[in-house]
C-alpha atoms as a PDB file:
ATOM      1  CA  MET A   1     -87.628  -7.809 -50.531  1.00  0.00           C
ATOM      2  CA  LEU A   2     -87.390  -7.964 -54.669  1.00  0.00           C
ATOM      3  CA  HIS A   3     -85.302 -11.325 -54.220  1.00  0.00           C
ATOM      4  CA  ARG A   4     -88.339 -12.750 -51.963  1.00  0.00           C
ATOM      5  CA  LEU A   5     -90.846 -12.044 -54.548  1.00  0.00           C
ATOM      6  CA  GLU A   6     -88.675 -13.553 -57.406  1.00  0.00           C
ATOM      7  CA  ALA A   7     -87.898 -16.719 -55.589  1.00  0.00           C
ATOM      8  CA  ALA A   8     -91.659 -17.114 -54.993  1.00  0.00           C
ATOM      9  CA  GLY A   9     -92.072 -16.804 -58.684  1.00  0.00           C
ATOM     10  CA  ALA A  10     -92.365 -13.108 -59.323  1.00  0.00           C
ATOM     11  CA  THR A  11     -90.919 -11.473 -62.653  1.00  0.00           C
ATOM     12  CA  VAL A  12     -88.502  -8.639 -61.105  1.00  0.00           C
ATOM     13  CA  ASP A  13     -86.937  -5.528 -62.808  1.00  0.00           C
ATOM     14  CA  ARG A  14     -84.374  -4.497 -60.156  1.00  0.00           C
ATOM     15  CA  ALA A  15     -83.394  -1.612 -62.412  1.00  0.00           C
ATOM     16  CA  ALA A  16     -87.354  -0.327 -61.972  1.00  0.00           C
ATOM     17  CA  GLN A  17     -87.435  -1.677 -58.344  1.00  0.00           C
ATOM     18  CA  ARG A  18     -90.811  -3.375 -59.633  1.00  0.00           C
ATOM     19  CA  ALA A  19     -92.408  -6.952 -59.125  1.00  0.00           C
ATOM     20  CA  ARG A  20     -94.775  -8.353 -61.199  1.00  0.00           C
ATOM     21  CA  MET A  21     -96.697 -11.040 -59.566  1.00  0.00           C
ATOM     22  CA  PRO A  22     -98.437 -13.718 -61.779  1.00  0.00           C
ATOM     23  CA  GLU A  23    -102.021 -14.530 -60.710  1.00  0.00           C
ATOM     24  CA  GLU A  24    -101.416 -17.991 -58.985  1.00  0.00           C
ATOM     25  CA  LEU A  25     -98.892 -16.245 -57.018  1.00  0.00           C
ATOM     26  CA  VAL A  26    -101.548 -13.986 -55.620  1.00  0.00           C
ATOM     27  CA  LEU A  27    -103.881 -16.611 -55.045  1.00  0.00           C
ATOM     28  CA  ARG A  28    -101.743 -19.069 -53.674  1.00  0.00           C
ATOM     29  CA  SER A  29    -100.382 -16.070 -51.006  1.00  0.00           C
ATOM     30  CA  VAL A  30    -103.736 -14.956 -49.983  1.00  0.00           C
ATOM     31  CA  GLN A  31    -104.769 -18.462 -49.431  1.00  0.00           C
ATOM     32  CA  GLN A  32    -101.735 -19.000 -47.155  1.00  0.00           C
ATOM     33  CA  ALA A  33    -102.096 -15.738 -45.131  1.00  0.00           C
ATOM     34  CA  GLY A  34    -103.517 -15.769 -42.009  1.00  0.00           C
ATOM     35  CA  LYS A  35    -106.912 -14.520 -41.322  1.00  0.00           C
ATOM     36  CA  GLN A  36    -106.159 -12.798 -38.335  1.00  0.00           C
ATOM     37  CA  PHE A  37    -103.040 -10.309 -37.646  1.00  0.00           C
ATOM     38  CA  THR A  38    -101.847  -7.484 -35.444  1.00  0.00           C
ATOM     39  CA  ILE A  39     -99.806  -4.781 -36.668  1.00  0.00           C
ATOM     40  CA  TYR A  40     -97.881  -3.020 -33.597  1.00  0.00           C
ATOM     41  CA  GLY A  41     -96.289   0.197 -33.463  1.00  0.00           C
ATOM     42  CA  ARG A  42     -93.229   1.577 -31.814  1.00  0.00           C
ATOM     43  CA  ASP A  43     -94.914   1.829 -28.836  1.00  0.00           C
ATOM     44  CA  LEU A  44     -96.467  -1.947 -28.178  1.00  0.00           C
ATOM     45  CA  ALA A  45     -99.616  -0.722 -26.586  1.00  0.00           C
ATOM     46  CA  ARG A  46    -100.545   1.110 -30.010  1.00  0.00           C
ATOM     47  CA  MET A  47    -101.963  -1.528 -32.363  1.00  0.00           C
ATOM     48  CA  ALA A  48    -104.257  -2.401 -35.038  1.00  0.00           C
ATOM     49  CA  ALA A  49    -105.621  -6.135 -35.010  1.00  0.00           C
ATOM     50  CA  PHE A  50    -107.512  -7.492 -37.950  1.00  0.00           C
ATOM     51  CA  GLY A  51    -109.828 -10.282 -38.365  1.00  0.00           C
ATOM     52  CA  VAL A  52    -111.083  -9.791 -34.756  1.00  0.00           C
ATOM     53  CA  GLY A  53    -114.276  -8.000 -34.848  1.00  0.00           C
ATOM     54  CA  ARG A  54    -112.906  -4.785 -34.194  1.00  0.00           C
ATOM     55  CA  ARG A  55    -112.783  -1.452 -36.324  1.00  0.00           C
ATOM     56  CA  ASN A  56    -109.501  -0.032 -37.169  1.00  0.00           C
ATOM     57  CA  TYR A  57    -109.089   3.535 -38.659  1.00  0.00           C
ATOM     58  CA  ASN A  58    -105.787   4.525 -40.617  1.00  0.00           C
ATOM     59  CA  ALA A  59    -104.879   8.038 -42.306  1.00  0.00           C
ATOM     60  CA  ILE A  60    -105.099   8.002 -46.123  1.00  0.00           C
ATOM     61  CA  ALA A  61    -102.134   6.687 -47.393  1.00  0.00           C
ATOM     62  CA  GLY A  62     -99.668   7.586 -50.004  1.00  0.00           C
ATOM     63  CA  GLU A  63    -101.007  10.701 -51.053  1.00  0.00           C
ATOM     64  CA  ALA A  64     -99.229  12.192 -54.182  1.00  0.00           C
ATOM     65  CA  SER A  65    -100.086  15.874 -53.884  1.00  0.00           C
ATOM     66  CA  TRP A  66    -101.325  18.484 -51.491  1.00  0.00           C
ATOM     67  CA  ALA A  67    -103.675  21.624 -51.214  1.00  0.00           C
ATOM     68  CA  ASP A  68    -102.554  24.199 -48.804  1.00  0.00           C
ATOM     69  CA  THR A  69    -106.159  25.952 -48.825  1.00  0.00           C
ATOM     70  CA  MET A  70    -109.323  24.584 -48.896  1.00  0.00           C
ATOM     71  CA  GLY A  71    -110.023  24.379 -52.756  1.00  0.00           C
ATOM     72  CA  GLY A  72    -106.449  25.236 -53.644  1.00  0.00           C
ATOM     73  CA  ASN A  73    -104.164  23.989 -56.503  1.00  0.00           C
ATOM     74  CA  ARG A  74    -102.678  20.749 -55.747  1.00  0.00           C
ATOM     75  CA  ARG A  75     -98.888  20.304 -55.337  1.00  0.00           C
ATOM     76  CA  TYR A  76     -96.433  17.468 -54.907  1.00  0.00           C
ATOM     77  CA  ALA A  77     -95.851  16.713 -51.504  1.00  0.00           C
ATOM     78  CA  THR A  78     -92.595  17.802 -49.562  1.00  0.00           C
ATOM     79  CA  LEU A  79     -90.732  16.107 -46.601  1.00  0.00           C
ATOM     80  CA  ARG A  80     -92.087  19.115 -44.518  1.00  0.00           C
ATOM     81  CA  ASP A  81     -95.659  17.386 -45.498  1.00  0.00           C
ATOM     82  CA  VAL A  82     -94.684  14.060 -44.532  1.00  0.00           C
ATOM     83  CA  ALA A  83     -93.426  15.462 -40.923  1.00  0.00           C
ATOM     84  CA  THR A  84     -96.861  17.295 -40.549  1.00  0.00           C
ATOM     85  CA  ALA A  85     -98.957  14.300 -41.594  1.00  0.00           C
ATOM     86  CA  ALA A  86     -96.774  11.894 -38.907  1.00  0.00           C
ATOM     87  CA  ARG A  87     -97.116  14.425 -36.341  1.00  0.00           C
ATOM     88  CA  PHE A  88    -100.991  14.881 -36.979  1.00  0.00           C
ATOM     89  CA  CYS A  89    -101.794  11.235 -37.209  1.00  0.00           C
ATOM     90  CA  ASP A  90     -99.772  10.401 -33.930  1.00  0.00           C
ATOM     91  CA  ALA A  91    -102.006  13.102 -32.134  1.00  0.00           C
ATOM     92  CA  LEU A  92    -105.086  11.514 -33.021  1.00  0.00           C
ATOM     93  CA  ASP A  93    -106.026   8.898 -30.536  1.00  0.00           C
ATOM     94  CA  GLN A  94    -108.652   7.607 -32.999  1.00  0.00           C
ATOM     95  CA  VAL A  95    -106.040   6.561 -35.638  1.00  0.00           C
ATOM     96  CA  ASN A  96    -104.648   3.310 -35.421  1.00  0.00           C
ATOM     97  CA  ILE A  97    -102.698   3.380 -38.331  1.00  0.00           C
ATOM     98  CA  ALA A  98    -100.548   6.663 -39.513  1.00  0.00           C
ATOM     99  CA  GLY A  99    -100.137   4.941 -43.076  1.00  0.00           C
ATOM    100  CA  ALA A 100     -97.754   5.883 -45.605  1.00  0.00           C
ATOM    101  CA  MET A 101     -98.706   9.383 -45.815  1.00  0.00           C
ATOM    102  CA  SER A 102     -97.214  11.659 -48.810  1.00  0.00           C
ATOM    103  CA  ILE A 103     -94.239   9.450 -49.073  1.00  0.00           C
ATOM    104  CA  LEU A 104     -94.736   9.462 -53.028  1.00  0.00           C
ATOM    105  CA  MET A 105     -92.555  12.464 -53.239  1.00  0.00           C
ATOM    106  CA  ASN A 106     -92.046  13.469 -57.257  1.00  0.00           C
ATOM    107  CA  SER A 107     -88.574  13.096 -57.608  1.00  0.00           C
ATOM    108  CA  ARG A 108     -87.312  10.660 -55.526  1.00  0.00           C
ATOM    109  CA  PRO A 109     -87.102   6.537 -56.149  1.00  0.00           C
ATOM    110  CA  PRO A 110     -89.429   4.670 -53.779  1.00  0.00           C
ATOM    111  CA  SER A 111     -86.395   3.518 -51.843  1.00  0.00           C
ATOM    112  CA  VAL A 112     -85.113   6.977 -50.898  1.00  0.00           C
ATOM    113  CA  ALA A 113     -88.373   8.543 -50.609  1.00  0.00           C
ATOM    114  CA  SER A 114     -89.352   6.108 -47.972  1.00  0.00           C
ATOM    115  CA  LYS A 115     -86.145   6.635 -45.677  1.00  0.00           C
ATOM    116  CA  SER A 116     -86.174  10.391 -46.276  1.00  0.00           C
ATOM    117  CA  ALA A 117     -90.015  10.388 -44.608  1.00  0.00           C
ATOM    118  CA  LEU A 118     -88.650   8.307 -41.845  1.00  0.00           C
ATOM    119  CA  ARG A 119     -85.905  10.797 -40.744  1.00  0.00           C
ATOM    120  CA  CYS A 120     -87.442  14.000 -41.612  1.00  0.00           C
ATOM    121  CA  SER A 121     -90.764  13.438 -39.400  1.00  0.00           C
ATOM    122  CA  GLY A 122     -89.317  15.153 -36.528  1.00  0.00           C
ATOM    123  CA  THR A 123     -90.892  12.944 -34.053  1.00  0.00           C
ATOM    124  CA  ARG A 124     -90.990   8.866 -33.812  1.00  0.00           C
ATOM    125  CA  PRO A 125     -94.608   8.202 -34.461  1.00  0.00           C
ATOM    126  CA  SER A 126     -95.968   5.570 -32.107  1.00  0.00           C
ATOM    127  CA  ARG A 127     -98.121   3.508 -34.258  1.00  0.00           C
END
């Protein structure tokens, strides 16, 4: 993905796995983007359609920390938390998009955290 962003005009720092997009690239990309699109889950009957007058509900995405009890201390998310969140969202029919729940794990680079989170979920979320 970084090479695609760089080819489009972004400044890329591969060591940090970061791309900085100039304002004109962002504006051009938004202008070219489709006004309607659909995201499909592994189960193709599960989808979230945008720009068609429907409401979509997604789980909050990217929590960096969790609290185990109401009002309890927060801690960094673990792979077990990711698995719990994936199963929880998959069980709720009203949630269209499970999101990237708790992938921001403290000690792992984004590419490793994302792959680890997918492997550990213990279930294959349908959305």
